[in-house]
Amino acid sequence: MNYFLRRRRSSSIATMWLSKKKIYPSSTRHFCELPENIEDCSYKSMEGMVRCPANYAALSPVSFLERAAKVYRDRTSVVYGSKKLSWKQTHFRCLKLASALTNLGVSRGDVIATLAPNIPAMQELHFAVPMAGAVICTLNMRHDSSMISTLLQHSEAKIIFVDYQLLHIAQEAFDLLAENKVKPPLLVLIPEHDTPSPSDSVSDTHEYETLLASGDAEYIVRRPTTEWDPISINYTSGTTSRPKGVVYNHRGAYLNALAALSTHGMSSMPVYIWTVPMFHCNGWCLIWGLAAIGGTNICLRHVSPKEIFDSIVVNQVTHMGGAPTVLNMIINSSDRKPLPRKVEIMTGGAPPPPSILCQIEELGFRVSHLYGLTETYGPGTTCLWKPEWDSLPTEEKYKLKARQGVEHYALEEVDIKDPVTMKSVPADGATMGEIMFRGNTVMSGYLKDVKATEEALAGGWFRSGDLAVKHDDGYIEVKDRLKDIVISGGENISTVEVETVLYCHPAVLEAAVVARPDNHWGQTPCAFVKLKDGFELSSQEIIVFCRERLPHYMAPKTVVFEDIPKTSTGKIQKFILREKAKALGSLS
């Protein structure tokens, strides 16, 4: 069953638009449905209004590529090693790929999955799949075969495009599907451009370039019937539970792409290096947005500080992004190089410690801080910088920059509310509530999970599950996730505040705090710490350091030195750490 094809109204009004005295038939490709009862129209007395191709088109990021092929036709669209393509060439290839998908039997609303790193094929598929009327489902390339098989079955993907280095994962996932008597999707193999294709050894497999070449460059794009038609499925990262399929629509993708450009300070023709995974929230929607401004995509198969610094110099990079853990990796790398120019870096995914923001800017980067979730198409808020903050003392300046800020212009509203009463908390910087969103850049819902969708959108707001305070200037500041808050002796302890102090220690590379059971207090903070190379510390030294900077009840009572588990997007997997803390047993 295709879960994206909704039944249309039977009323003939759904396929007509009205002029003053005439009724004109139209196709649903060009016109939206009108209300079943035209008498309900609020502006029925405004004679002369019409909705037609001259004044209405369903918003879709596909239009960004079509414009780029004209306005930026000779501008470089993508760079991958020695390979370069212009925007005209990218548009040509996407048309052929969309045509080839249609020839394979892809229908409107079908799901097309991908399993690949940040390579040019991922950029092309983000346009070609919706151009064929289908829905792109970008799978996390760090998932194992068991999870891939589960997500393929859940999404009912008809085709999966797989990078040659991940072929073994896909084949193992196919074997698991066969064991469950589930037909696997058609496989299209993406070989490396300078590596012979191993497709001859794989049965029933298409090869990417061969498939693309079979398409027709005169292909007529299947445009969305309505703006609410789905464009992508993004499975959540699984930091707290089993991933859920978040459905994006064309309108939301279009608007959030433009908003992401704005929050990142991008104007015309930037050069963007892909350190954010393209599979994560469709690259924060920038994979579509860069086409709108003729940007250049610098693709990196492997992300490392050396690759980042070398590419910045060679490709004259102007912008990049990454979670605070990526920033931390850059700061502590021995491969750092002087930057030839300021590089704008957008960070999000977890509350960044002010010390990390300060150190990354000292290297020559300029940080913009955003906040959002998979369910908000990635970026939802930005810590919009105010010029008057430039003259503040360093410590105060970066404390302000670490806040999550205000909603971007494409989102209707962000607020901090009591999750029970739904009343807004006072803007006192102290009262905690749940961050809630509403607007056009909130997901359509969770695929095949009506209950979870209704719970997440209850009361007309998307409930993030994140706890925050609101300051008197309206800026919000994340304090914790609802599941991560430590309740000790009736006091709420923000793990983010404790982690911020831990990052101030010169020997600490990474830190995460979770609750450990305590027979007396109920819970106490348990810190997991990874030290920088060459440093040695005892648990007691860490505890004393925290007690000197925090109320004693907030300081960790337990410190564990080990590597910290993270998702492929750099988010710390606290659900794993909570289990580890629980396994330590209760403190007495």
Protein backbone atom coordinates (compact mmCIF):
# COMPACT_ATOMS: atom_id res chain seq x y z
CA MET A 1 0.00 0.00 0.00
CA ASN A 2 1.23 3.47 -0.84
CA TYR A 3 0.77 5.49 2.35
CA PHE A 4 1.29 8.83 0.62
CA LEU A 5 -1.53 8.78 -1.90
CA ARG A 6 -4.49 10.34 -0.18
CA ARG A 7 -8.03 10.07 -1.52
CA ARG A 8 -9.19 13.20 -3.30
CA ARG A 9 -12.52 14.82 -2.66
CA SER A 10 -15.24 13.71 -5.03
CA SER A 11 -16.67 17.21 -5.37
CA SER A 12 -16.21 18.67 -8.84
CA ILE A 13 -15.01 21.88 -7.17
CA ALA A 14 -11.77 20.07 -6.39
CA THR A 15 -10.89 20.15 -10.08
CA MET A 16 -12.10 23.61 -10.95
CA TRP A 17 -11.26 27.21 -10.31
CA LEU A 18 -13.71 30.02 -10.42
CA SER A 19 -13.76 33.31 -12.29
CA LYS A 20 -16.51 35.89 -11.89
CA LYS A 21 -18.98 34.16 -14.21
CA LYS A 22 -17.09 31.18 -15.64
CA ILE A 23 -15.93 27.79 -14.42
CA TYR A 24 -12.68 26.55 -15.92
CA PRO A 25 -11.62 22.89 -15.72
CA SER A 26 -8.04 22.27 -14.66
CA SER A 27 -5.68 19.44 -13.88
CA THR A 28 -4.62 18.78 -10.31
CA ARG A 29 -1.05 19.19 -11.47
CA HIS A 30 -1.57 22.94 -11.67
CA PHE A 31 -4.30 23.71 -9.14
CA CYS A 32 -4.97 23.16 -5.45
CA GLU A 33 -8.26 21.87 -4.13
CA LEU A 34 -10.83 24.50 -3.22
CA PRO A 35 -13.15 24.17 -0.21
CA GLU A 36 -16.00 21.70 -0.71
CA ASN A 37 -18.44 24.46 0.12
CA ILE A 38 -17.39 27.55 -1.80
CA GLU A 39 -19.77 29.59 0.39
CA ASP A 40 -17.33 29.02 3.26
CA CYS A 41 -14.67 31.04 1.47
CA SER A 42 -13.80 34.06 3.65
CA TYR A 43 -13.15 36.26 0.61
CA LYS A 44 -16.08 35.23 -1.61
CA SER A 45 -17.07 38.88 -2.00
CA MET A 46 -13.69 39.79 -3.52
CA GLU A 47 -14.73 39.56 -7.15
CA GLY A 48 -12.05 38.96 -9.75
CA MET A 49 -9.81 36.68 -7.71
CA VAL A 50 -8.57 33.54 -9.45
CA ARG A 51 -6.01 30.91 -8.65
CA CYS A 52 -4.22 29.75 -11.78
CA PRO A 53 -0.73 28.96 -13.12
CA ALA A 54 -0.06 32.67 -13.48
CA ASN A 55 -0.19 33.27 -9.74
CA TYR A 56 0.15 29.93 -8.00
CA ALA A 57 2.64 27.06 -7.97
CA ALA A 58 3.11 24.49 -5.24
CA LEU A 59 6.35 25.28 -3.39
CA SER A 60 9.01 22.64 -3.96
CA PRO A 61 12.82 22.74 -3.65
CA VAL A 62 12.97 21.12 -7.09
CA SER A 63 12.43 24.64 -8.45
CA PHE A 64 15.76 25.70 -6.92
CA LEU A 65 17.60 23.32 -9.24
CA GLU A 66 15.64 24.44 -12.30
CA ARG A 67 16.52 28.06 -11.58
CA ALA A 68 20.17 27.21 -10.83
CA ALA A 69 20.48 25.55 -14.24
CA LYS A 70 19.59 28.89 -15.83
CA VAL A 71 20.98 31.52 -13.47
CA TYR A 72 24.14 29.68 -12.34
CA ARG A 73 24.50 27.35 -15.32
CA ASP A 74 28.32 27.55 -15.55
CA ARG A 75 28.91 27.90 -11.82
CA THR A 76 30.39 24.81 -10.15
CA SER A 77 27.68 22.76 -8.51
CA VAL A 78 29.75 19.96 -6.98
CA VAL A 79 33.39 19.11 -6.36
CA TYR A 80 34.50 15.61 -5.44
CA GLY A 81 38.24 15.11 -5.63
CA SER A 82 39.14 15.92 -9.23
CA LYS A 83 35.53 15.65 -10.40
CA LYS A 84 33.58 18.86 -11.03
CA LEU A 85 30.10 19.49 -12.40
CA SER A 86 28.30 22.73 -13.22
CA TRP A 87 24.71 23.46 -12.24
CA LYS A 88 23.66 22.97 -15.86
CA GLN A 89 25.27 19.52 -15.84
CA THR A 90 23.72 18.63 -12.48
CA HIS A 91 20.25 19.56 -13.74
CA PHE A 92 20.81 17.52 -16.92
CA ARG A 93 21.88 14.47 -14.90
CA CYS A 94 18.97 14.80 -12.45
CA LEU A 95 16.46 14.90 -15.30
CA LYS A 96 17.95 11.75 -16.81
CA LEU A 97 18.01 10.01 -13.42
CA ALA A 98 14.37 10.94 -12.72
CA SER A 99 13.45 9.59 -16.14
CA ALA A 100 15.35 6.36 -15.49
CA LEU A 101 13.51 5.91 -12.19
CA THR A 102 10.19 6.33 -13.96
CA ASN A 103 11.27 3.74 -16.54
CA LEU A 104 11.95 1.32 -13.67
CA GLY A 105 8.29 1.63 -12.69
CA VAL A 106 8.56 4.26 -9.95
CA SER A 107 5.17 5.83 -9.33
CA ARG A 108 4.10 8.95 -7.48
CA GLY A 109 4.57 8.41 -3.75
CA ASP A 110 6.95 5.44 -4.00
CA VAL A 111 9.83 5.40 -1.51
CA ILE A 112 13.42 5.40 -2.80
CA ALA A 113 16.09 4.70 -0.16
CA THR A 114 19.77 5.64 -0.11
CA LEU A 115 22.72 4.23 1.81
CA ALA A 116 25.72 6.39 0.99
CA PRO A 117 28.20 8.96 2.36
CA ASN A 118 28.53 12.59 1.21
CA ILE A 119 29.12 11.94 -2.49
CA PRO A 120 27.73 13.62 -5.64
CA ALA A 121 25.14 10.88 -6.17
CA MET A 122 23.50 11.88 -2.89
CA GLN A 123 23.11 15.45 -4.12
CA GLU A 124 21.62 14.26 -7.40
CA LEU A 125 19.20 11.84 -5.74
CA HIS A 126 17.83 14.59 -3.50
CA PHE A 127 16.54 16.30 -6.64
CA ALA A 128 15.95 13.38 -9.01
CA VAL A 129 13.77 11.34 -6.63
CA PRO A 130 11.17 14.10 -6.03
CA MET A 131 11.39 15.02 -9.73
CA ALA A 132 10.09 11.50 -10.38
CA GLY A 133 7.26 12.13 -7.92
CA ALA A 134 8.82 9.77 -5.37
CA VAL A 135 9.90 10.14 -1.73
CA ILE A 136 13.58 9.96 -0.77
CA CYS A 137 14.50 8.02 2.37
CA THR A 138 18.13 8.66 3.34
CA LEU A 139 19.31 5.90 5.66
CA ASN A 140 22.04 6.36 8.23
CA MET A 141 25.13 4.72 6.78
CA ARG A 142 26.34 3.81 10.30
CA HIS A 143 23.39 1.49 10.88
CA ASP A 144 24.04 -2.23 10.90
CA SER A 145 22.32 -4.67 8.54
CA SER A 146 19.63 -5.53 11.08
CA MET A 147 18.51 -1.92 11.43
CA ILE A 148 18.74 -1.33 7.66
CA SER A 149 16.47 -4.34 7.02
CA THR A 150 13.99 -3.06 9.62
CA LEU A 151 13.85 0.41 8.06
CA LEU A 152 13.57 -0.93 4.52
CA GLN A 153 10.63 -3.06 5.58
CA HIS A 154 9.00 -0.21 7.49
CA SER A 155 9.42 2.34 4.69
CA GLU A 156 8.47 -0.17 1.96
CA ALA A 157 11.29 1.21 -0.18
CA LYS A 158 10.96 0.16 -3.83
CA ILE A 159 14.59 0.90 -4.76
CA ILE A 160 17.74 1.44 -2.71
CA PHE A 161 20.86 3.23 -3.98
CA VAL A 162 23.92 1.82 -2.20
CA ASP A 163 27.51 3.05 -2.16
CA TYR A 164 29.98 0.33 -3.11
CA GLN A 165 31.68 0.47 0.32
CA LEU A 166 28.35 -0.31 2.00
CA LEU A 167 27.25 -3.06 -0.36
CA HIS A 168 27.95 -5.80 2.21
CA ILE A 169 25.62 -4.10 4.70
CA ALA A 170 22.84 -3.94 2.11
CA GLN A 171 23.33 -7.57 1.08
CA GLU A 172 23.15 -8.72 4.71
CA ALA A 173 19.99 -6.63 5.15
CA PHE A 174 18.51 -8.28 2.05
CA ASP A 175 19.25 -11.72 3.51
CA LEU A 176 17.38 -10.74 6.67
CA LEU A 177 14.42 -9.52 4.62
CA ALA A 178 14.37 -12.82 2.73
CA GLU A 179 14.33 -14.73 6.03
CA ASN A 180 11.21 -12.77 6.95
CA LYS A 181 9.71 -13.49 3.53
CA VAL A 182 9.88 -9.81 2.58
CA LYS A 183 10.81 -8.92 -0.99
CA PRO A 184 13.90 -6.69 -0.94
CA PRO A 185 13.98 -3.46 -2.97
CA LEU A 186 15.74 -3.20 -6.30
CA LEU A 187 19.42 -2.38 -5.71
CA VAL A 188 21.30 0.33 -7.60
CA LEU A 189 25.03 0.26 -6.92
CA ILE A 190 27.02 3.51 -6.74
CA PRO A 191 30.67 2.74 -7.62
CA GLU A 192 33.53 5.11 -6.89
CA HIS A 193 34.27 7.22 -9.96
CA ASP A 194 37.84 5.89 -10.23
CA THR A 195 37.10 2.35 -9.05
CA PRO A 196 35.89 -0.49 -11.30
CA SER A 197 32.29 -1.39 -10.55
CA PRO A 198 31.84 -4.72 -8.76
CA SER A 199 28.29 -4.93 -10.16
CA ASP A 200 29.14 -7.96 -12.32
CA SER A 201 29.42 -10.05 -9.18
CA VAL A 202 26.08 -8.88 -7.80
CA SER A 203 22.90 -10.37 -9.20
CA ASP A 204 19.82 -8.30 -10.09
CA THR A 205 21.65 -5.00 -9.63
CA HIS A 206 21.72 -1.80 -11.65
CA GLU A 207 24.79 0.40 -11.83
CA TYR A 208 24.30 4.10 -11.11
CA GLU A 209 25.92 5.71 -14.16
CA THR A 210 24.51 3.12 -16.55
CA LEU A 211 21.04 3.65 -15.14
CA LEU A 212 21.37 7.44 -15.33
CA ALA A 213 22.58 7.27 -18.93
CA SER A 214 19.44 5.35 -19.91
CA GLY A 215 17.21 8.28 -18.97
CA ASP A 216 15.72 11.00 -21.14
CA ALA A 217 16.99 14.56 -20.65
CA GLU A 218 13.65 15.85 -21.99
CA TYR A 219 11.80 14.20 -19.12
CA ILE A 220 8.77 16.14 -17.84
CA VAL A 221 9.09 16.56 -14.07
CA ARG A 222 6.31 15.16 -11.90
CA ARG A 223 5.49 18.14 -9.76
CA PRO A 224 3.79 17.79 -6.38
CA THR A 225 0.01 17.69 -6.54
CA THR A 226 -0.08 19.80 -3.38
CA GLU A 227 2.64 21.37 -1.27
CA TRP A 228 1.82 18.88 1.48
CA ASP A 229 2.90 15.94 -0.69
CA PRO A 230 5.78 14.09 0.99
CA ILE A 231 9.31 14.70 -0.27
CA SER A 232 11.38 12.70 2.20
CA ILE A 233 11.45 10.32 5.15
CA ASN A 234 14.10 10.88 7.80
CA TYR A 235 14.52 8.28 10.50
CA THR A 236 15.40 9.77 13.87
CA SER A 237 18.90 9.18 15.16
CA GLY A 238 17.88 6.72 17.86
CA THR A 239 19.60 8.56 20.73
CA THR A 240 16.64 7.84 23.01
CA SER A 241 14.63 5.07 21.34
CA ARG A 242 14.09 3.07 18.15
CA PRO A 243 14.13 5.42 15.14
CA LYS A 244 10.83 6.79 13.88
CA GLY A 245 10.14 7.76 10.27
CA VAL A 246 9.70 11.54 10.12
CA VAL A 247 7.86 12.67 6.98
CA TYR A 248 8.79 15.99 5.35
CA ASN A 249 6.64 17.71 2.73
CA HIS A 250 7.61 19.89 -0.26
CA ARG A 251 6.45 23.13 1.35
CA GLY A 252 8.37 22.58 4.57
CA ALA A 253 11.51 21.54 2.72
CA TYR A 254 11.34 24.64 0.51
CA LEU A 255 10.87 27.02 3.44
CA ASN A 256 13.40 25.39 5.76
CA ALA A 257 16.02 25.33 3.01
CA LEU A 258 15.72 29.11 2.66
CA ALA A 259 15.72 29.60 6.42
CA ALA A 260 18.84 27.43 6.80
CA LEU A 261 20.65 29.64 4.29
CA SER A 262 19.71 32.69 6.31
CA THR A 263 20.70 31.25 9.69
CA HIS A 264 24.06 30.27 8.20
CA GLY A 265 24.65 33.76 6.79
CA MET A 266 24.79 32.50 3.19
CA SER A 267 24.24 34.90 0.33
CA SER A 268 25.13 34.35 -3.32
CA MET A 269 27.45 31.52 -4.45
CA PRO A 270 29.02 30.24 -1.20
CA VAL A 271 31.40 27.27 -1.12
CA TYR A 272 30.08 24.70 1.37
CA ILE A 273 32.04 21.69 2.58
CA TRP A 274 29.90 18.71 3.54
CA THR A 275 30.86 17.63 7.05
CA VAL A 276 27.20 17.37 8.11
CA PRO A 277 25.89 13.99 6.83
CA MET A 278 23.62 14.46 3.82
CA PHE A 279 21.43 11.68 5.20
CA HIS A 280 20.75 13.65 8.40
CA CYS A 281 17.65 15.86 8.00
CA ASN A 282 18.56 16.00 4.30
CA GLY A 283 21.72 17.86 5.25
CA TRP A 284 19.72 20.32 7.38
CA CYS A 285 17.87 21.04 4.08
CA LEU A 286 20.97 22.78 2.74
CA ILE A 287 21.39 20.11 0.07
CA TRP A 288 18.36 21.74 -1.58
CA GLY A 289 19.04 25.30 -0.42
CA LEU A 290 22.50 25.60 -1.97
CA ALA A 291 20.90 25.32 -5.41
CA ALA A 292 18.79 28.40 -4.65
CA ILE A 293 21.90 30.58 -4.36
CA GLY A 294 24.25 28.79 -6.76
CA GLY A 295 26.45 27.41 -4.01
CA THR A 296 29.23 24.89 -4.56
CA ASN A 297 29.01 21.53 -2.78
CA ILE A 298 32.38 20.19 -1.65
CA CYS A 299 31.78 16.47 -1.07
CA LEU A 300 33.88 14.54 1.45
CA ARG A 301 33.61 10.76 1.62
CA HIS A 302 35.56 10.74 4.89
CA VAL A 303 35.49 13.56 7.44
CA SER A 304 38.65 14.26 9.40
CA PRO A 305 40.39 17.45 10.56
CA LYS A 306 43.09 16.98 7.90
CA GLU A 307 40.49 16.56 5.12
CA ILE A 308 38.61 19.61 6.41
CA PHE A 309 41.64 21.93 6.59
CA ASP A 310 43.08 20.75 3.27
CA SER A 311 39.74 21.25 1.53
CA ILE A 312 39.22 24.70 3.04
CA VAL A 313 42.54 25.82 1.54
CA VAL A 314 42.24 24.09 -1.85
CA ASN A 315 38.56 24.83 -2.51
CA GLN A 316 38.37 28.26 -0.84
CA VAL A 317 35.58 27.07 1.45
CA THR A 318 33.38 29.77 2.95
CA HIS A 319 30.91 27.71 5.03
CA MET A 320 30.63 24.39 6.86
CA GLY A 321 28.62 22.82 9.66
CA GLY A 322 28.90 20.23 12.39
CA ALA A 323 27.83 19.13 15.84
CA PRO A 324 29.80 20.41 18.85
CA THR A 325 31.70 17.09 18.83
CA VAL A 326 32.98 17.92 15.32
CA LEU A 327 34.12 21.33 16.56
CA ASN A 328 35.83 19.64 19.48
CA MET A 329 37.58 17.23 17.10
CA ILE A 330 38.92 20.16 15.07
CA ILE A 331 40.09 22.05 18.16
CA ASN A 332 42.06 19.10 19.51
CA SER A 333 43.54 17.93 16.21
CA SER A 334 47.25 18.02 15.41
CA ASP A 335 46.32 18.67 11.74
CA ARG A 336 45.15 22.22 12.31
CA LYS A 337 46.31 24.82 9.80
CA PRO A 338 45.99 28.60 9.63
CA LEU A 339 42.84 29.52 7.73
CA PRO A 340 43.29 31.71 4.64
CA ARG A 341 40.00 33.48 5.44
CA LYS A 342 37.16 33.44 7.96
CA VAL A 343 35.05 30.33 7.60
CA GLU A 344 31.46 30.44 8.80
CA ILE A 345 30.64 27.32 10.78
CA MET A 346 27.13 26.39 11.84
CA THR A 347 26.79 24.13 14.86
CA GLY A 348 23.83 22.34 16.37
CA GLY A 349 22.60 18.94 17.48
CA ALA A 350 23.56 19.37 21.14
CA PRO A 351 24.03 22.33 23.49
CA PRO A 352 27.61 23.49 22.81
CA PRO A 353 29.81 24.36 25.81
CA PRO A 354 30.87 28.03 25.67
CA SER A 355 34.51 26.97 25.95
CA ILE A 356 34.23 25.01 22.68
CA LEU A 357 32.68 27.99 20.89
CA CYS A 358 35.47 30.25 22.12
CA GLN A 359 38.27 27.91 21.04
CA ILE A 360 36.86 27.26 17.57
CA GLU A 361 36.57 30.99 16.88
CA GLU A 362 40.17 31.49 18.04
CA LEU A 363 41.18 29.19 15.15
CA GLY A 364 39.62 31.55 12.61
CA PHE A 365 36.09 30.20 12.33
CA ARG A 366 32.98 32.27 13.05
CA VAL A 367 30.22 30.27 14.72
CA SER A 368 26.50 30.54 14.25
CA HIS A 369 24.52 28.40 16.66
CA LEU A 370 21.23 26.75 15.79
CA TYR A 371 18.85 24.29 17.41
CA GLY A 372 16.29 21.90 16.05
CA LEU A 373 15.24 18.29 15.70
CA THR A 374 14.61 15.84 12.90
CA GLU A 375 10.92 16.68 13.33
CA THR A 376 11.61 20.37 12.56
CA TYR A 377 13.56 19.70 9.33
CA GLY A 378 16.77 20.31 11.27
CA PRO A 379 17.36 23.98 12.16
CA GLY A 380 14.38 25.54 13.95
CA THR A 381 15.97 28.32 15.99
CA THR A 382 19.11 30.39 15.74
CA CYS A 383 21.08 32.35 18.31
CA LEU A 384 20.68 35.54 16.30
CA TRP A 385 23.72 37.63 17.14
CA LYS A 386 23.27 41.21 18.26
CA PRO A 387 25.99 43.77 17.43
CA GLU A 388 25.94 45.16 20.96
CA TRP A 389 27.21 41.80 22.23
CA ASP A 390 30.54 42.23 20.40
CA SER A 391 31.95 44.46 23.15
CA LEU A 392 31.07 42.11 26.01
CA PRO A 393 33.75 40.26 27.99
CA THR A 394 34.76 36.97 26.34
CA GLU A 395 33.18 34.67 28.91
CA GLU A 396 29.84 36.48 28.83
CA LYS A 397 29.87 36.68 25.02
CA TYR A 398 30.24 32.94 24.52
CA LYS A 399 27.75 32.16 27.22
CA LEU A 400 25.23 34.15 25.17
CA LYS A 401 26.29 32.41 21.94
CA ALA A 402 25.66 29.01 23.55
CA ARG A 403 21.93 29.78 23.87
CA GLN A 404 19.54 28.29 21.34
CA GLY A 405 18.01 31.66 20.52
CA VAL A 406 14.84 32.50 18.58
CA GLU A 407 12.80 30.91 15.80
CA HIS A 408 13.91 31.46 12.22
CA TYR A 409 11.60 33.39 9.89
CA ALA A 410 10.04 30.32 8.21
CA LEU A 411 8.77 28.93 11.51
CA GLU A 412 5.55 30.26 13.02
CA GLU A 413 6.47 30.15 16.68
CA VAL A 414 8.70 28.58 19.34
CA ASP A 415 7.74 28.71 22.99
CA ILE A 416 8.62 27.19 26.35
CA LYS A 417 5.51 25.70 27.93
CA ASP A 418 4.41 23.67 30.89
CA PRO A 419 3.71 20.32 29.16
CA VAL A 420 0.66 19.67 31.36
CA THR A 421 -1.10 23.07 31.48
CA MET A 422 0.32 24.26 28.10
CA LYS A 423 0.89 27.71 29.66
CA SER A 424 4.02 29.63 28.68
CA VAL A 425 6.68 29.79 31.38
CA PRO A 426 7.79 33.24 32.56
CA ALA A 427 10.76 34.75 30.73
CA ASP A 428 12.90 34.75 33.87
CA GLY A 429 15.81 32.56 32.70
CA ALA A 430 15.08 30.12 35.52
CA THR A 431 11.68 28.44 35.11
CA MET A 432 12.02 25.32 33.00
CA GLY A 433 9.45 24.05 30.54
CA GLU A 434 9.31 22.03 27.34
CA ILE A 435 10.36 23.54 24.02
CA MET A 436 7.43 23.48 21.59
CA PHE A 437 7.20 24.40 17.91
CA ARG A 438 4.43 25.16 15.46
CA GLY A 439 4.51 26.20 11.84
CA ASN A 440 5.15 25.10 8.27
CA THR A 441 8.53 23.57 9.06
CA VAL A 442 7.22 20.99 11.51
CA MET A 443 6.97 17.42 10.21
CA SER A 444 3.82 16.05 8.60
CA GLY A 445 3.95 13.15 11.03
CA TYR A 446 5.57 9.79 11.82
CA LEU A 447 5.23 7.21 9.07
CA LYS A 448 2.63 4.53 9.95
CA ASP A 449 2.49 5.66 13.58
CA VAL A 450 -0.71 7.61 14.19
CA LYS A 451 -0.44 7.34 17.98
CA ALA A 452 3.09 8.75 18.11
CA THR A 453 2.10 11.55 15.72
CA GLU A 454 -0.92 12.52 17.81
CA GLU A 455 1.16 12.51 21.00
CA ALA A 456 3.93 14.62 19.44
CA LEU A 457 1.49 17.20 18.02
CA ALA A 458 -1.00 17.23 20.90
CA GLY A 459 -2.46 20.64 21.66
CA GLY A 460 -1.48 22.09 18.31
CA TRP A 461 2.25 22.19 19.12
CA PHE A 462 5.13 19.83 18.40
CA ARG A 463 6.54 18.71 21.73
CA SER A 464 10.31 18.43 21.48
CA GLY A 465 11.04 16.57 24.70
CA ASP A 466 13.73 19.17 25.47
CA LEU A 467 13.68 21.27 28.62
CA ALA A 468 14.67 24.92 28.44
CA VAL A 469 14.28 28.34 30.00
CA LYS A 470 13.30 31.60 28.31
CA HIS A 471 15.31 34.74 29.02
CA ASP A 472 13.87 38.23 29.26
CA ASP A 473 15.02 39.00 25.70
CA GLY A 474 12.98 36.07 24.37
CA TYR A 475 16.00 33.84 23.67
CA ILE A 476 15.64 30.23 24.77
CA GLU A 477 18.34 28.11 26.40
CA VAL A 478 18.25 24.32 26.49
CA LYS A 479 18.86 22.81 29.89
CA ASP A 480 18.27 19.13 29.24
CA ARG A 481 16.10 16.49 27.69
CA LEU A 482 13.13 15.38 29.75
CA LYS A 483 14.64 11.90 29.90
CA ASP A 484 18.08 13.19 30.90
CA ILE A 485 17.23 15.49 33.80
CA VAL A 486 18.68 14.28 37.12
CA ILE A 487 16.30 14.56 40.08
CA SER A 488 18.35 14.44 43.26
CA GLY A 489 16.64 14.92 46.58
CA GLY A 490 13.76 16.67 44.83
CA GLU A 491 16.09 19.10 43.02
CA ASN A 492 16.26 19.17 39.20
CA ILE A 493 19.85 19.05 37.96
CA SER A 494 20.58 20.11 34.39
CA THR A 495 23.15 17.71 32.94
CA VAL A 496 24.01 20.38 30.36
CA GLU A 497 25.17 22.74 33.12
CA VAL A 498 27.34 20.05 34.67
CA GLU A 499 28.81 19.13 31.26
CA THR A 500 29.62 22.79 30.58
CA VAL A 501 31.74 22.89 33.74
CA LEU A 502 33.46 19.60 32.86
CA TYR A 503 34.47 20.98 29.46
CA CYS A 504 36.20 23.87 31.21
CA HIS A 505 38.79 21.45 32.62
CA PRO A 506 41.91 21.58 30.41
CA ALA A 507 42.30 17.79 30.48
CA VAL A 508 38.75 16.92 29.41
CA LEU A 509 38.18 16.08 25.75
CA GLU A 510 34.57 14.88 25.96
CA ALA A 511 32.02 14.64 28.76
CA ALA A 512 28.47 13.44 29.30
CA VAL A 513 26.37 13.31 32.44
CA VAL A 514 23.45 11.01 33.26
CA ALA A 515 21.57 9.92 36.37
CA ARG A 516 22.81 7.09 38.59
CA PRO A 517 20.45 5.49 41.12
CA ASP A 518 21.12 6.57 44.70
CA ASN A 519 19.55 4.92 47.74
CA HIS A 520 19.40 8.19 49.68
CA TRP A 521 18.93 10.94 47.08
CA GLY A 522 17.04 8.92 44.48
CA GLN A 523 19.48 9.95 41.74
CA THR A 524 22.88 11.62 41.58
CA PRO A 525 24.94 12.84 38.59
CA CYS A 526 27.27 10.32 36.97
CA ALA A 527 29.91 11.76 34.63
CA PHE A 528 31.43 9.86 31.72
CA VAL A 529 34.68 11.52 30.73
CA LYS A 530 37.23 11.03 27.96
CA LEU A 531 40.58 12.71 28.64
CA LYS A 532 42.88 14.34 26.14
CA ASP A 533 45.99 12.42 25.16
CA GLY A 534 48.78 12.73 27.68
CA PHE A 535 46.58 13.63 30.67
CA GLU A 536 45.84 11.58 33.75
CA LEU A 537 43.23 12.48 36.37
CA SER A 538 41.47 10.77 39.21
CA SER A 539 37.73 10.73 39.75
CA GLN A 540 38.15 12.78 42.89
CA GLU A 541 40.03 15.52 41.03
CA ILE A 542 37.11 15.85 38.60
CA ILE A 543 34.58 15.91 41.44
CA VAL A 544 36.53 18.60 43.34
CA PHE A 545 36.84 20.68 40.15
CA CYS A 546 33.06 20.59 39.72
CA ARG A 547 32.32 21.34 43.38
CA GLU A 548 34.43 24.48 43.15
CA ARG A 549 32.19 25.74 40.34
CA LEU A 550 28.76 24.28 41.11
CA PRO A 551 26.49 23.76 44.10
CA HIS A 552 27.68 20.52 45.73
CA TYR A 553 24.46 18.65 44.97
CA MET A 554 25.01 19.28 41.24
CA ALA A 555 28.58 17.95 41.17
CA PRO A 556 29.04 14.36 39.98
CA LYS A 557 29.34 11.72 42.67
CA THR A 558 30.59 9.18 40.13
CA VAL A 559 33.13 9.64 37.34
CA VAL A 560 33.78 6.98 34.68
CA PHE A 561 36.74 7.37 32.30
CA GLU A 562 36.02 5.85 28.87
CA ASP A 563 35.17 6.59 25.24
CA ILE A 564 31.72 8.13 24.86
CA PRO A 565 29.29 6.50 22.39
CA LYS A 566 27.93 8.82 19.70
CA THR A 567 25.66 8.64 16.70
CA SER A 568 27.07 9.24 13.22
CA THR A 569 25.89 12.86 13.47
CA GLY A 570 27.92 13.44 16.63
CA LYS A 571 25.13 13.23 19.20
CA ILE A 572 26.05 11.47 22.42
CA GLN A 573 23.97 8.33 22.95
CA LYS A 574 22.87 8.96 26.50
CA PHE A 575 20.49 6.00 26.55
CA ILE A 576 23.59 3.76 26.44
CA LEU A 577 25.24 5.74 29.23
CA ARG A 578 22.07 5.58 31.35
CA GLU A 579 22.17 1.79 31.11
CA LYS A 580 25.83 1.79 32.09
CA ALA A 581 25.14 4.04 35.07
CA LYS A 582 22.25 1.82 36.10
CA ALA A 583 24.50 -1.25 35.85
CA LEU A 584 26.89 0.36 38.35
CA GLY A 585 24.18 -0.15 40.97
CA SER A 586 22.79 2.29 43.52
CA LEU A 587 25.04 4.46 45.63
CA SER A 588 24.42 4.03 49.34
